[in-house]
């Protein structure tokens, strides 16, 4: 590792001595994506209204704070949960080869497909519990917005 680092430093030093700039993507030059992130970070500050009012600050916080974005992501995830927990189990397909004669004539095989259907209201109760969890997540997200 030390040898690689020393050879890298020697290469850069010799390039600088010859007057050649380091190539694009070298550790000495920032990547273009980093420049884009820096320019995007400066854009919202440029678009702020000159007399910054309380309503503007609240709107900006509601739209751009990481806590609020995370709360919205939790709501989207919780909204998918009722459909997931109330779905039927996956069907099962089971091929079987019961008898295989030496000459492969008259092979006895079967294919069975199985789907379980619950008779109790378990799926309905799971769905209701997930919907209650969604309402709890929405209330927590509202609390997060109010805290910000």
N, C-alpha and C. Protein backbone atom coordinates (compact mmCIF):
# COMPACT_ATOMS: atom_id res chain seq x y z
N UNK A 1 0.83 -1.19 0.00
CA UNK A 1 0.00 0.00 0.00
C UNK A 1 0.87 1.25 0.00
N UNK A 2 1.92 1.22 0.83
CA UNK A 2 2.80 2.38 0.92
C UNK A 2 3.53 2.60 -0.40
N UNK A 3 3.90 1.50 -1.07
CA UNK A 3 4.59 1.60 -2.35
C UNK A 3 3.68 2.23 -3.40
N UNK A 4 2.41 1.84 -3.40
CA UNK A 4 1.47 2.41 -4.37
C UNK A 4 1.29 3.90 -4.15
N UNK A 5 1.17 4.30 -2.88
CA UNK A 5 0.98 5.70 -2.56
C UNK A 5 2.22 6.51 -2.98
N UNK A 6 3.40 5.97 -2.72
CA UNK A 6 4.63 6.67 -3.08
C UNK A 6 4.75 6.81 -4.60
N UNK A 7 4.39 5.75 -5.34
CA UNK A 7 4.47 5.85 -6.80
C UNK A 7 3.43 6.84 -7.33
N UNK A 8 2.25 6.91 -6.70
CA UNK A 8 1.23 7.87 -7.12
C UNK A 8 1.73 9.30 -6.92
N UNK A 9 2.38 9.55 -5.78
CA UNK A 9 2.90 10.88 -5.49
C UNK A 9 4.01 11.23 -6.49
N UNK A 10 4.86 10.24 -6.82
CA UNK A 10 5.93 10.50 -7.79
C UNK A 10 5.36 10.82 -9.17
N UNK A 11 4.33 10.11 -9.57
CA UNK A 11 3.72 10.36 -10.88
C UNK A 11 3.13 11.76 -10.92
N UNK A 12 2.39 12.14 -9.87
CA UNK A 12 1.80 13.48 -9.84
C UNK A 12 2.88 14.54 -9.80
N UNK A 13 3.95 14.29 -9.05
CA UNK A 13 5.03 15.25 -8.97
C UNK A 13 5.73 15.44 -10.31
N UNK A 14 5.92 14.32 -11.03
CA UNK A 14 6.58 14.43 -12.33
C UNK A 14 5.67 15.12 -13.34
N UNK A 15 4.36 14.90 -13.24
CA UNK A 15 3.43 15.58 -14.16
C UNK A 15 3.43 17.08 -13.89
N UNK A 16 3.49 17.45 -12.61
CA UNK A 16 3.50 18.87 -12.27
C UNK A 16 4.80 19.52 -12.72
N UNK A 17 5.91 18.77 -12.64
CA UNK A 17 7.21 19.31 -13.06
C UNK A 17 7.23 19.54 -14.57
N UNK A 18 6.52 18.70 -15.32
CA UNK A 18 6.47 18.85 -16.76
C UNK A 18 5.45 19.89 -17.21
N UNK A 19 4.68 20.41 -16.27
CA UNK A 19 3.69 21.42 -16.61
C UNK A 19 2.37 20.82 -17.08
N UNK A 20 2.17 19.52 -16.89
CA UNK A 20 0.91 18.88 -17.29
C UNK A 20 -0.04 18.91 -16.11
N UNK A 21 -1.27 19.30 -16.34
CA UNK A 21 -2.23 19.26 -15.24
C UNK A 21 -2.65 17.82 -14.97
N UNK A 22 -3.07 17.50 -13.76
CA UNK A 22 -3.56 16.16 -13.46
C UNK A 22 -4.77 15.85 -14.33
N UNK A 23 -4.96 14.58 -14.65
CA UNK A 23 -6.08 14.17 -15.50
C UNK A 23 -7.40 14.32 -14.75
N UNK A 24 -8.49 14.35 -15.52
CA UNK A 24 -9.82 14.48 -14.93
C UNK A 24 -10.09 13.24 -14.10
N UNK A 25 -10.64 13.43 -12.93
CA UNK A 25 -10.95 12.32 -12.06
C UNK A 25 -9.82 12.00 -11.09
N UNK A 26 -8.74 12.79 -11.11
CA UNK A 26 -7.66 12.57 -10.15
C UNK A 26 -8.11 13.08 -8.79
N UNK A 27 -7.47 12.62 -7.72
CA UNK A 27 -7.88 13.06 -6.38
C UNK A 27 -7.70 14.54 -6.14
N UNK A 28 -6.90 15.21 -6.96
CA UNK A 28 -6.66 16.63 -6.74
C UNK A 28 -7.74 17.51 -7.33
N UNK A 29 -8.58 16.95 -8.17
CA UNK A 29 -9.60 17.75 -8.85
C UNK A 29 -10.98 17.24 -8.44
N UNK A 30 -11.89 18.11 -8.02
CA UNK A 30 -13.21 17.63 -7.61
C UNK A 30 -13.97 17.07 -8.81
N UNK A 31 -14.81 16.10 -8.51
CA UNK A 31 -15.63 15.49 -9.56
C UNK A 31 -16.72 16.45 -10.01
N UNK A 32 -17.17 16.32 -11.26
CA UNK A 32 -18.24 17.21 -11.73
C UNK A 32 -19.51 17.09 -10.91
N UNK A 33 -19.82 15.90 -10.41
CA UNK A 33 -21.04 15.73 -9.62
C UNK A 33 -20.99 16.54 -8.34
N UNK A 34 -19.80 16.68 -7.75
CA UNK A 34 -19.67 17.48 -6.54
C UNK A 34 -19.92 18.95 -6.84
N UNK A 35 -19.50 19.41 -8.00
CA UNK A 35 -19.76 20.80 -8.38
C UNK A 35 -21.24 21.03 -8.56
N UNK A 36 -21.96 20.04 -9.12
CA UNK A 36 -23.40 20.19 -9.30
C UNK A 36 -24.11 20.26 -7.96
N UNK A 37 -23.68 19.45 -6.99
CA UNK A 37 -24.30 19.47 -5.68
C UNK A 37 -24.07 20.82 -5.01
N UNK A 38 -22.87 21.34 -5.15
CA UNK A 38 -22.57 22.64 -4.54
C UNK A 38 -23.41 23.74 -5.18
N UNK A 39 -23.59 23.69 -6.50
CA UNK A 39 -24.37 24.74 -7.16
C UNK A 39 -25.85 24.61 -6.81
N UNK A 40 -26.34 23.37 -6.65
CA UNK A 40 -27.75 23.21 -6.27
C UNK A 40 -27.98 23.66 -4.85
N UNK A 41 -26.97 23.52 -3.98
CA UNK A 41 -27.13 23.96 -2.60
C UNK A 41 -27.22 25.47 -2.52
N UNK A 42 -26.64 26.18 -3.48
CA UNK A 42 -26.68 27.63 -3.47
C UNK A 42 -27.95 28.18 -4.11
N UNK A 43 -28.61 27.39 -4.95
CA UNK A 43 -29.80 27.87 -5.65
C UNK A 43 -30.94 28.29 -4.72
N UNK A 44 -31.32 27.48 -3.68
CA UNK A 44 -32.44 27.92 -2.83
C UNK A 44 -32.15 29.23 -2.12
N UNK A 45 -30.89 29.47 -1.75
CA UNK A 45 -30.59 30.74 -1.07
C UNK A 45 -30.77 31.91 -2.02
N UNK A 46 -30.48 31.71 -3.30
CA UNK A 46 -30.65 32.78 -4.27
C UNK A 46 -32.13 33.07 -4.52
N UNK A 47 -32.99 32.07 -4.34
CA UNK A 47 -34.41 32.26 -4.64
C UNK A 47 -35.21 32.71 -3.43
N UNK A 48 -34.56 32.99 -2.33
CA UNK A 48 -35.28 33.46 -1.15
C UNK A 48 -35.78 34.89 -1.39
N UNK A 49 -36.97 35.17 -0.91
CA UNK A 49 -37.45 36.54 -1.04
C UNK A 49 -36.62 37.48 -0.16
N UNK A 50 -36.49 38.71 -0.60
CA UNK A 50 -35.63 39.67 0.10
C UNK A 50 -36.14 39.96 1.51
N UNK A 51 -37.38 40.38 1.70
CA UNK A 51 -37.84 40.46 3.09
C UNK A 51 -38.37 39.08 3.50
N UNK A 52 -37.60 38.34 4.25
CA UNK A 52 -37.97 36.98 4.65
C UNK A 52 -39.00 37.04 5.75
N UNK A 53 -40.20 36.57 5.43
CA UNK A 53 -41.29 36.59 6.39
C UNK A 53 -41.39 35.26 7.11
N UNK A 54 -42.14 35.21 8.19
CA UNK A 54 -42.31 33.99 8.98
C UNK A 54 -43.00 32.92 8.14
N UNK A 55 -43.97 33.32 7.33
CA UNK A 55 -44.67 32.35 6.49
C UNK A 55 -43.72 31.68 5.49
N UNK A 56 -42.76 32.45 4.96
CA UNK A 56 -41.78 31.90 4.03
C UNK A 56 -40.86 30.90 4.72
N UNK A 57 -40.46 31.24 5.92
CA UNK A 57 -39.59 30.34 6.68
C UNK A 57 -40.30 29.04 6.99
N UNK A 58 -41.56 29.13 7.40
CA UNK A 58 -42.34 27.92 7.70
C UNK A 58 -42.53 27.08 6.44
N UNK A 59 -42.82 27.71 5.32
CA UNK A 59 -43.01 26.98 4.07
C UNK A 59 -41.71 26.30 3.63
N UNK A 60 -40.59 27.02 3.74
CA UNK A 60 -39.30 26.43 3.37
C UNK A 60 -38.95 25.26 4.28
N UNK A 61 -39.20 25.41 5.57
CA UNK A 61 -38.91 24.31 6.50
C UNK A 61 -39.79 23.11 6.20
N UNK A 62 -41.06 23.35 5.90
CA UNK A 62 -41.98 22.26 5.60
C UNK A 62 -41.61 21.55 4.31
N UNK A 63 -41.07 22.28 3.36
CA UNK A 63 -40.75 21.69 2.06
C UNK A 63 -39.36 21.08 1.99
N UNK A 64 -38.39 21.58 2.77
CA UNK A 64 -37.00 21.19 2.56
C UNK A 64 -36.31 20.52 3.74
N UNK A 65 -36.93 20.43 4.89
CA UNK A 65 -36.26 19.82 6.05
C UNK A 65 -36.19 18.30 5.89
N UNK A 66 -35.10 17.72 6.32
CA UNK A 66 -34.89 16.28 6.19
C UNK A 66 -35.87 15.50 7.08
N UNK A 67 -36.21 16.03 8.24
CA UNK A 67 -37.14 15.33 9.12
C UNK A 67 -38.51 15.21 8.48
N UNK A 68 -38.94 16.26 7.81
CA UNK A 68 -40.25 16.24 7.16
C UNK A 68 -40.24 15.28 5.97
N UNK A 69 -39.16 15.27 5.22
CA UNK A 69 -39.05 14.33 4.09
C UNK A 69 -39.04 12.90 4.58
N UNK A 70 -38.36 12.64 5.69
CA UNK A 70 -38.34 11.28 6.25
C UNK A 70 -39.73 10.88 6.74
N UNK A 71 -40.46 11.81 7.34
CA UNK A 71 -41.81 11.50 7.80
C UNK A 71 -42.73 11.19 6.62
N UNK A 72 -42.56 11.93 5.51
CA UNK A 72 -43.37 11.64 4.32
C UNK A 72 -43.02 10.26 3.75
N UNK A 73 -41.75 9.90 3.78
CA UNK A 73 -41.34 8.57 3.30
C UNK A 73 -41.92 7.47 4.18
N UNK A 74 -41.98 7.71 5.50
CA UNK A 74 -42.59 6.72 6.40
C UNK A 74 -44.08 6.58 6.11
N UNK A 75 -44.76 7.67 5.76
CA UNK A 75 -46.18 7.59 5.42
C UNK A 75 -46.38 6.77 4.15
N UNK A 76 -45.53 7.02 3.14
CA UNK A 76 -45.65 6.24 1.89
C UNK A 76 -45.42 4.75 2.14
N UNK A 77 -44.46 4.42 2.99
CA UNK A 77 -44.19 3.01 3.30
C UNK A 77 -45.35 2.40 4.07
N UNK A 78 -45.88 3.13 5.03
CA UNK A 78 -47.00 2.61 5.83
C UNK A 78 -48.27 2.47 4.99
N UNK A 79 -48.42 3.29 3.96
CA UNK A 79 -49.61 3.20 3.10
C UNK A 79 -49.61 1.91 2.30
N UNK A 80 -48.45 1.34 2.03
CA UNK A 80 -48.37 0.08 1.28
C UNK A 80 -48.57 -1.13 2.18
N UNK A 81 -48.41 -0.96 3.47
CA UNK A 81 -48.45 -2.09 4.41
C UNK A 81 -49.80 -2.82 4.44
N UNK A 82 -50.97 -2.17 4.42
CA UNK A 82 -52.24 -2.93 4.47
C UNK A 82 -52.39 -3.91 3.31
N UNK A 83 -51.97 -3.54 2.13
CA UNK A 83 -52.08 -4.46 0.99
C UNK A 83 -51.12 -5.64 1.15
N UNK A 84 -49.99 -5.40 1.76
CA UNK A 84 -49.00 -6.47 1.93
C UNK A 84 -49.47 -7.49 2.96
N UNK A 85 -49.95 -7.02 4.11
CA UNK A 85 -50.31 -7.96 5.18
C UNK A 85 -51.61 -8.69 4.91
N UNK A 86 -52.48 -8.13 4.08
CA UNK A 86 -53.76 -8.80 3.83
C UNK A 86 -53.76 -9.65 2.57
N UNK A 87 -52.64 -9.76 1.91
CA UNK A 87 -52.57 -10.56 0.67
C UNK A 87 -52.60 -12.05 1.00
N UNK A 88 -53.07 -12.81 0.04
CA UNK A 88 -53.05 -14.26 0.18
C UNK A 88 -51.62 -14.77 0.10
N UNK A 89 -51.40 -15.94 0.66
CA UNK A 89 -50.09 -16.56 0.54
C UNK A 89 -49.84 -16.91 -0.92
N UNK A 90 -48.58 -17.07 -1.27
CA UNK A 90 -48.23 -17.44 -2.63
C UNK A 90 -48.71 -18.86 -2.93
N UNK A 91 -49.19 -19.07 -4.14
CA UNK A 91 -49.58 -20.45 -4.50
C UNK A 91 -48.33 -21.32 -4.62
N UNK A 92 -48.53 -22.61 -4.39
CA UNK A 92 -47.42 -23.56 -4.47
C UNK A 92 -47.67 -24.52 -5.61
N UNK A 93 -46.68 -24.73 -6.44
CA UNK A 93 -46.73 -25.67 -7.56
C UNK A 93 -45.73 -26.77 -7.25
N UNK A 94 -46.20 -28.02 -7.30
CA UNK A 94 -45.33 -29.14 -6.97
C UNK A 94 -45.39 -30.19 -8.08
N UNK A 95 -44.38 -30.23 -8.94
CA UNK A 95 -44.32 -31.31 -9.92
C UNK A 95 -43.76 -32.57 -9.25
N UNK A 96 -44.26 -33.72 -9.67
CA UNK A 96 -43.79 -34.99 -9.09
C UNK A 96 -43.65 -36.02 -10.19
N UNK A 97 -42.59 -36.80 -10.11
CA UNK A 97 -42.35 -37.91 -11.03
C UNK A 97 -42.40 -39.17 -10.17
N UNK A 98 -43.54 -39.91 -10.28
CA UNK A 98 -43.77 -41.05 -9.40
C UNK A 98 -43.08 -42.32 -9.88
N UNK A 99 -43.10 -42.55 -11.17
CA UNK A 99 -42.52 -43.78 -11.69
C UNK A 99 -41.85 -43.47 -13.02
N UNK A 100 -40.58 -43.89 -13.16
CA UNK A 100 -39.83 -43.66 -14.39
C UNK A 100 -39.25 -45.00 -14.85
N UNK A 101 -39.90 -45.61 -15.86
CA UNK A 101 -39.39 -46.90 -16.34
C UNK A 101 -38.05 -46.73 -17.05
N UNK A 102 -37.39 -47.86 -17.28
CA UNK A 102 -36.06 -47.85 -17.88
C UNK A 102 -36.05 -47.23 -19.26
N UNK A 103 -37.04 -47.49 -20.09
CA UNK A 103 -37.08 -46.98 -21.47
C UNK A 103 -37.86 -45.66 -21.58
N UNK A 104 -38.23 -45.06 -20.50
CA UNK A 104 -38.94 -43.78 -20.44
C UNK A 104 -40.30 -43.81 -21.11
N UNK A 105 -40.87 -44.99 -21.29
CA UNK A 105 -42.22 -45.10 -21.85
C UNK A 105 -43.18 -45.37 -20.71
N UNK A 106 -44.23 -44.60 -20.65
CA UNK A 106 -45.24 -44.77 -19.61
C UNK A 106 -44.83 -44.15 -18.29
N UNK A 107 -44.11 -43.04 -18.32
CA UNK A 107 -43.72 -42.37 -17.07
C UNK A 107 -44.96 -41.85 -16.38
N UNK A 108 -44.98 -41.98 -15.06
CA UNK A 108 -46.12 -41.54 -14.25
C UNK A 108 -45.71 -40.25 -13.54
N UNK A 109 -46.30 -39.13 -13.93
CA UNK A 109 -45.97 -37.85 -13.32
C UNK A 109 -47.25 -37.10 -13.00
N UNK A 110 -47.12 -36.14 -12.13
CA UNK A 110 -48.28 -35.33 -11.73
C UNK A 110 -47.82 -33.91 -11.43
N UNK A 111 -48.77 -33.01 -11.42
CA UNK A 111 -48.52 -31.61 -11.12
C UNK A 111 -49.64 -31.14 -10.20
N UNK A 112 -49.28 -30.68 -9.03
CA UNK A 112 -50.31 -30.19 -8.10
C UNK A 112 -50.09 -28.71 -7.83
N UNK A 113 -51.19 -27.98 -7.75
CA UNK A 113 -51.17 -26.55 -7.46
C UNK A 113 -51.99 -26.34 -6.19
N UNK A 114 -51.43 -25.63 -5.24
CA UNK A 114 -52.08 -25.45 -3.95
C UNK A 114 -52.15 -23.97 -3.61
N UNK A 115 -53.32 -23.51 -3.22
CA UNK A 115 -53.52 -22.14 -2.76
C UNK A 115 -54.29 -22.19 -1.46
N UNK A 116 -53.77 -21.57 -0.43
CA UNK A 116 -54.43 -21.55 0.87
C UNK A 116 -55.35 -20.34 0.96
N UNK A 117 -56.57 -20.58 1.43
CA UNK A 117 -57.56 -19.53 1.66
C UNK A 117 -57.93 -19.59 3.14
N UNK A 118 -57.58 -18.60 3.92
CA UNK A 118 -57.93 -18.64 5.35
C UNK A 118 -59.44 -18.45 5.53
N UNK A 119 -60.01 -19.25 6.43
CA UNK A 119 -61.44 -19.18 6.70
C UNK A 119 -61.75 -18.17 7.80
N UNK A 120 -60.79 -17.88 8.64
CA UNK A 120 -61.02 -16.93 9.73
C UNK A 120 -60.80 -15.51 9.21
N UNK A 121 -61.25 -14.51 9.96
CA UNK A 121 -61.06 -13.12 9.52
C UNK A 121 -59.66 -12.56 9.82
N UNK A 122 -58.66 -13.42 9.82
CA UNK A 122 -57.30 -12.99 10.16
C UNK A 122 -56.80 -11.93 9.17
N UNK A 123 -57.03 -12.14 7.89
CA UNK A 123 -56.56 -11.16 6.89
C UNK A 123 -57.20 -9.79 7.11
N UNK A 124 -58.49 -9.79 7.42
CA UNK A 124 -59.20 -8.53 7.66
C UNK A 124 -58.63 -7.82 8.89
N UNK A 125 -58.33 -8.57 9.94
CA UNK A 125 -57.78 -7.97 11.16
C UNK A 125 -56.36 -7.46 10.93
N UNK A 126 -55.59 -8.17 10.15
CA UNK A 126 -54.24 -7.70 9.81
C UNK A 126 -54.31 -6.40 9.03
N UNK A 127 -55.26 -6.32 8.10
CA UNK A 127 -55.42 -5.10 7.31
C UNK A 127 -55.84 -3.93 8.20
N UNK A 128 -56.77 -4.17 9.11
CA UNK A 128 -57.22 -3.11 10.01
C UNK A 128 -56.08 -2.64 10.92
N UNK A 129 -55.25 -3.57 11.38
CA UNK A 129 -54.11 -3.19 12.22
C UNK A 129 -53.11 -2.35 11.42
N UNK A 130 -52.88 -2.72 10.17
CA UNK A 130 -51.95 -1.95 9.33
C UNK A 130 -52.52 -0.57 9.03
N UNK A 131 -53.83 -0.47 8.83
CA UNK A 131 -54.44 0.85 8.59
C UNK A 131 -54.35 1.72 9.84
N UNK A 132 -54.50 1.11 11.02
CA UNK A 132 -54.33 1.87 12.26
C UNK A 132 -52.88 2.34 12.41
N UNK A 133 -51.94 1.49 12.01
CA UNK A 133 -50.53 1.89 12.02
C UNK A 133 -50.27 3.04 11.07
N UNK A 134 -50.96 3.04 9.92
CA UNK A 134 -50.83 4.14 8.96
C UNK A 134 -51.34 5.44 9.58
N UNK A 135 -52.45 5.39 10.27
CA UNK A 135 -52.98 6.60 10.92
C UNK A 135 -52.01 7.09 12.00
N UNK A 136 -51.40 6.17 12.73
CA UNK A 136 -50.42 6.56 13.75
C UNK A 136 -49.21 7.23 13.09
N UNK A 137 -48.76 6.68 11.96
CA UNK A 137 -47.62 7.26 11.24
C UNK A 137 -47.97 8.65 10.72
N UNK A 138 -49.19 8.82 10.23
CA UNK A 138 -49.61 10.15 9.76
C UNK A 138 -49.63 11.15 10.91
N UNK A 139 -50.10 10.71 12.08
CA UNK A 139 -50.12 11.61 13.24
C UNK A 139 -48.71 11.98 13.67
N UNK A 140 -47.78 11.01 13.62
CA UNK A 140 -46.39 11.31 13.96
C UNK A 140 -45.77 12.26 12.96
N UNK A 141 -46.13 12.11 11.68
CA UNK A 141 -45.61 13.02 10.65
C UNK A 141 -46.16 14.43 10.86
N UNK A 142 -47.43 14.54 11.22
CA UNK A 142 -48.00 15.86 11.54
C UNK A 142 -47.29 16.50 12.74
N UNK A 143 -46.97 15.66 13.73
CA UNK A 143 -46.24 16.17 14.89
C UNK A 143 -44.85 16.65 14.49
N UNK A 144 -44.21 15.92 13.58
CA UNK A 144 -42.88 16.33 13.09
C UNK A 144 -42.94 17.68 12.39
N UNK A 145 -43.98 17.86 11.55
CA UNK A 145 -44.13 19.14 10.85
C UNK A 145 -44.36 20.26 11.84
N UNK A 146 -45.15 20.00 12.86
CA UNK A 146 -45.41 21.03 13.87
C UNK A 146 -44.15 21.34 14.68
N UNK A 147 -43.34 20.31 14.95
CA UNK A 147 -42.09 20.53 15.69
C UNK A 147 -41.10 21.38 14.90
N UNK A 148 -41.07 21.17 13.59
CA UNK A 148 -40.14 21.93 12.74
C UNK A 148 -40.63 23.35 12.65
